[in-house]
Amino acid sequence: MTDDEWQALATREAAKAIGQWLEGRGRLHQPISVLTLAELEAMAANAVARFVVLAARRIRDQPNDSQDPGSGPGQDLTRLLLG
């Protein structure tokens, strides 16, 4: 999977996590402007959690996609997740 394909997958999966959170709370039909800060934070946490799971899987499956040591999706994601 290319970096662009993975980015598209991660974006779709994060959006699905947000939709599932909203649907689970009966809020899917309401405009986002009526959500409380706590609800927005919970929704964002679900999206971030999904991204972390996908990133961990990619690190596991493709630790070094590049011939250049220290680069590639696995290395970049590891640095991002570790801060």
N, C-alpha and C. Protein backbone atom coordinates (compact mmCIF):
# COMPACT_ATOMS: atom_id res chain seq x y z
N MET A 1 0.85 -1.17 0.00
CA MET A 1 0.00 0.00 0.00
C MET A 1 0.90 1.24 0.00
N THR A 2 0.61 2.16 -0.88
CA THR A 2 1.40 3.39 -0.94
C THR A 2 1.05 4.30 0.23
N ASP A 3 1.89 5.30 0.46
CA ASP A 3 1.61 6.27 1.53
C ASP A 3 0.27 6.97 1.30
N ASP A 4 -0.02 7.34 0.06
CA ASP A 4 -1.28 8.01 -0.26
C ASP A 4 -2.48 7.11 0.00
N GLU A 5 -2.34 5.85 -0.37
CA GLU A 5 -3.44 4.89 -0.13
C GLU A 5 -3.65 4.69 1.37
N TRP A 6 -2.56 4.62 2.12
CA TRP A 6 -2.69 4.45 3.56
C TRP A 6 -3.32 5.69 4.20
N GLN A 7 -2.93 6.86 3.74
CA GLN A 7 -3.51 8.10 4.27
C GLN A 7 -5.02 8.14 4.00
N ALA A 8 -5.43 7.73 2.80
CA ALA A 8 -6.86 7.70 2.48
C ALA A 8 -7.58 6.69 3.36
N LEU A 9 -6.98 5.53 3.59
CA LEU A 9 -7.57 4.53 4.47
C LEU A 9 -7.71 5.06 5.89
N ALA A 10 -6.65 5.67 6.41
CA ALA A 10 -6.69 6.20 7.77
C ALA A 10 -7.76 7.29 7.91
N THR A 11 -7.90 8.13 6.90
CA THR A 11 -8.92 9.18 6.93
C THR A 11 -10.32 8.58 6.94
N ARG A 12 -10.56 7.59 6.07
CA ARG A 12 -11.87 6.93 6.03
C ARG A 12 -12.19 6.24 7.35
N GLU A 13 -11.21 5.55 7.90
CA GLU A 13 -11.43 4.83 9.15
C GLU A 13 -11.68 5.79 10.32
N ALA A 14 -10.98 6.92 10.35
CA ALA A 14 -11.22 7.91 11.40
C ALA A 14 -12.62 8.50 11.26
N ALA A 15 -13.03 8.76 10.03
CA ALA A 15 -14.38 9.27 9.79
C ALA A 15 -15.44 8.26 10.22
N LYS A 16 -15.19 6.98 9.95
CA LYS A 16 -16.11 5.94 10.39
C LYS A 16 -16.20 5.90 11.91
N ALA A 17 -15.06 6.06 12.60
CA ALA A 17 -15.06 6.05 14.06
C ALA A 17 -15.88 7.21 14.61
N ILE A 18 -15.77 8.37 13.97
CA ILE A 18 -16.58 9.52 14.39
C ILE A 18 -18.06 9.23 14.16
N GLY A 19 -18.40 8.70 12.99
CA GLY A 19 -19.79 8.36 12.69
C GLY A 19 -20.35 7.33 13.65
N GLN A 20 -19.56 6.33 13.99
CA GLN A 20 -20.01 5.30 14.93
C GLN A 20 -20.24 5.90 16.31
N TRP A 21 -19.37 6.80 16.72
CA TRP A 21 -19.55 7.45 18.01
C TRP A 21 -20.84 8.26 18.02
N LEU A 22 -21.05 9.05 16.97
CA LEU A 22 -22.26 9.87 16.89
C LEU A 22 -23.52 9.00 16.84
N GLU A 23 -23.47 7.97 16.03
CA GLU A 23 -24.61 7.07 15.89
C GLU A 23 -24.93 6.37 17.21
N GLY A 24 -23.89 5.96 17.93
CA GLY A 24 -24.07 5.28 19.20
C GLY A 24 -24.71 6.15 20.27
N ARG A 25 -24.61 7.44 20.11
CA ARG A 25 -25.19 8.37 21.08
C ARG A 25 -26.45 9.05 20.56
N GLY A 26 -26.94 8.57 19.42
CA GLY A 26 -28.16 9.14 18.87
C GLY A 26 -28.00 10.57 18.40
N ARG A 27 -26.80 10.94 18.00
CA ARG A 27 -26.53 12.34 17.62
C ARG A 27 -26.21 12.50 16.14
N LEU A 28 -26.34 11.45 15.36
CA LEU A 28 -25.94 11.51 13.96
C LEU A 28 -26.76 12.53 13.16
N HIS A 29 -28.00 12.75 13.54
CA HIS A 29 -28.88 13.64 12.80
C HIS A 29 -28.71 15.12 13.17
N GLN A 30 -28.01 15.41 14.27
CA GLN A 30 -27.89 16.79 14.73
C GLN A 30 -26.68 17.48 14.12
N PRO A 31 -26.78 18.80 13.95
CA PRO A 31 -25.60 19.55 13.46
C PRO A 31 -24.48 19.49 14.50
N ILE A 32 -23.27 19.54 14.05
CA ILE A 32 -22.12 19.45 14.95
C ILE A 32 -22.07 20.62 15.93
N SER A 33 -22.66 21.73 15.56
CA SER A 33 -22.63 22.93 16.42
C SER A 33 -23.39 22.74 17.73
N VAL A 34 -24.26 21.73 17.82
CA VAL A 34 -25.01 21.52 19.06
C VAL A 34 -24.28 20.58 20.02
N LEU A 35 -23.16 20.02 19.60
CA LEU A 35 -22.43 19.12 20.48
C LEU A 35 -21.67 19.92 21.54
N THR A 36 -21.56 19.35 22.72
CA THR A 36 -20.80 19.99 23.79
C THR A 36 -19.32 19.76 23.57
N LEU A 37 -18.50 20.51 24.30
CA LEU A 37 -17.06 20.33 24.20
C LEU A 37 -16.66 18.91 24.59
N ALA A 38 -17.27 18.37 25.63
CA ALA A 38 -16.97 17.00 26.05
C ALA A 38 -17.32 16.00 24.95
N GLU A 39 -18.42 16.22 24.26
CA GLU A 39 -18.80 15.33 23.16
C GLU A 39 -17.82 15.44 21.99
N LEU A 40 -17.41 16.65 21.67
CA LEU A 40 -16.43 16.84 20.60
C LEU A 40 -15.10 16.18 20.96
N GLU A 41 -14.70 16.31 22.21
CA GLU A 41 -13.45 15.69 22.65
C GLU A 41 -13.55 14.16 22.57
N ALA A 42 -14.67 13.60 22.96
CA ALA A 42 -14.86 12.14 22.89
C ALA A 42 -14.85 11.67 21.44
N MET A 43 -15.48 12.43 20.58
CA MET A 43 -15.52 12.09 19.16
C MET A 43 -14.10 12.13 18.58
N ALA A 44 -13.35 13.15 18.91
CA ALA A 44 -11.97 13.26 18.44
C ALA A 44 -11.11 12.13 19.00
N ALA A 45 -11.32 11.77 20.26
CA ALA A 45 -10.56 10.68 20.88
C ALA A 45 -10.80 9.37 20.14
N ASN A 46 -12.03 9.12 19.71
CA ASN A 46 -12.33 7.91 18.94
C ASN A 46 -11.58 7.90 17.62
N ALA A 47 -11.55 9.04 16.95
CA ALA A 47 -10.85 9.13 15.66
C ALA A 47 -9.35 8.94 15.86
N VAL A 48 -8.78 9.55 16.89
CA VAL A 48 -7.35 9.42 17.16
C VAL A 48 -7.02 7.97 17.53
N ALA A 49 -7.86 7.35 18.34
CA ALA A 49 -7.63 5.96 18.73
C ALA A 49 -7.61 5.05 17.50
N ARG A 50 -8.51 5.28 16.57
CA ARG A 50 -8.53 4.47 15.36
C ARG A 50 -7.25 4.67 14.54
N PHE A 51 -6.80 5.93 14.45
CA PHE A 51 -5.56 6.22 13.74
C PHE A 51 -4.38 5.50 14.40
N VAL A 52 -4.32 5.53 15.72
CA VAL A 52 -3.21 4.88 16.44
C VAL A 52 -3.20 3.38 16.16
N VAL A 53 -4.37 2.75 16.16
CA VAL A 53 -4.45 1.32 15.86
C VAL A 53 -3.94 1.05 14.44
N LEU A 54 -4.40 1.84 13.48
CA LEU A 54 -3.95 1.65 12.09
C LEU A 54 -2.44 1.89 11.96
N ALA A 55 -1.94 2.92 12.64
CA ALA A 55 -0.51 3.23 12.57
C ALA A 55 0.31 2.10 13.19
N ALA A 56 -0.15 1.56 14.31
CA ALA A 56 0.58 0.46 14.95
C ALA A 56 0.63 -0.76 14.03
N ARG A 57 -0.47 -1.03 13.36
CA ARG A 57 -0.50 -2.15 12.41
C ARG A 57 0.46 -1.91 11.25
N ARG A 58 0.50 -0.69 10.76
CA ARG A 58 1.40 -0.39 9.64
C ARG A 58 2.86 -0.50 10.08
N ILE A 59 3.15 -0.03 11.29
CA ILE A 59 4.52 -0.15 11.81
C ILE A 59 4.91 -1.62 11.90
N ARG A 60 3.98 -2.43 12.39
CA ARG A 60 4.25 -3.86 12.51
C ARG A 60 4.45 -4.51 11.15
N ASP A 61 3.59 -4.16 10.19
CA ASP A 61 3.61 -4.82 8.89
C ASP A 61 4.66 -4.28 7.93
N GLN A 62 5.00 -3.00 8.06
CA GLN A 62 5.93 -2.37 7.12
C GLN A 62 6.92 -1.48 7.87
N PRO A 63 7.79 -2.06 8.69
CA PRO A 63 8.68 -1.22 9.48
C PRO A 63 9.68 -0.42 8.65
N ASN A 64 10.11 -0.95 7.52
CA ASN A 64 11.10 -0.25 6.68
C ASN A 64 10.76 -0.47 5.22
N ASP A 65 9.92 0.39 4.67
CA ASP A 65 9.55 0.28 3.25
C ASP A 65 10.61 0.89 2.34
N SER A 66 11.53 1.64 2.90
CA SER A 66 12.52 2.32 2.09
C SER A 66 13.88 1.65 2.26
N GLN A 67 14.73 1.77 1.25
CA GLN A 67 16.08 1.24 1.36
C GLN A 67 16.94 2.15 2.24
N ASP A 68 16.53 3.38 2.41
CA ASP A 68 17.26 4.34 3.23
C ASP A 68 16.98 4.05 4.70
N PRO A 69 17.99 3.65 5.49
CA PRO A 69 17.75 3.33 6.90
C PRO A 69 17.18 4.53 7.65
N GLY A 70 16.25 4.24 8.53
CA GLY A 70 15.66 5.30 9.33
C GLY A 70 14.55 6.05 8.65
N SER A 71 14.11 5.58 7.50
CA SER A 71 12.99 6.24 6.84
C SER A 71 11.97 5.20 6.44
N GLY A 72 10.91 5.63 5.85
CA GLY A 72 9.82 4.73 5.49
C GLY A 72 8.66 4.94 6.42
N PRO A 73 7.48 4.46 6.03
CA PRO A 73 6.27 4.68 6.81
C PRO A 73 6.38 4.22 8.25
N GLY A 74 6.98 3.05 8.46
CA GLY A 74 7.09 2.54 9.82
C GLY A 74 7.90 3.46 10.72
N GLN A 75 9.01 3.95 10.21
CA GLN A 75 9.86 4.85 11.00
C GLN A 75 9.18 6.19 11.24
N ASP A 76 8.56 6.74 10.21
CA ASP A 76 7.88 8.03 10.35
C ASP A 76 6.73 7.93 11.35
N LEU A 77 5.94 6.88 11.27
CA LEU A 77 4.81 6.71 12.18
C LEU A 77 5.29 6.47 13.61
N THR A 78 6.38 5.72 13.74
CA THR A 78 6.93 5.48 15.08
C THR A 78 7.34 6.81 15.71
N ARG A 79 8.04 7.65 14.96
CA ARG A 79 8.43 8.96 15.48
C ARG A 79 7.20 9.80 15.82
N LEU A 80 6.18 9.76 14.99
CA LEU A 80 4.96 10.53 15.24
C LEU A 80 4.28 10.05 16.52
N LEU A 81 4.13 8.76 16.69
CA LEU A 81 3.43 8.22 17.84
C LEU A 81 4.22 8.39 19.14
N LEU A 82 5.53 8.35 19.05
CA LEU A 82 6.35 8.50 20.24
C LEU A 82 6.60 9.95 20.62
N GLY A 83 6.26 10.87 19.68
CA GLY A 83 6.39 12.30 19.96
C GLY A 83 7.77 12.75 19.83
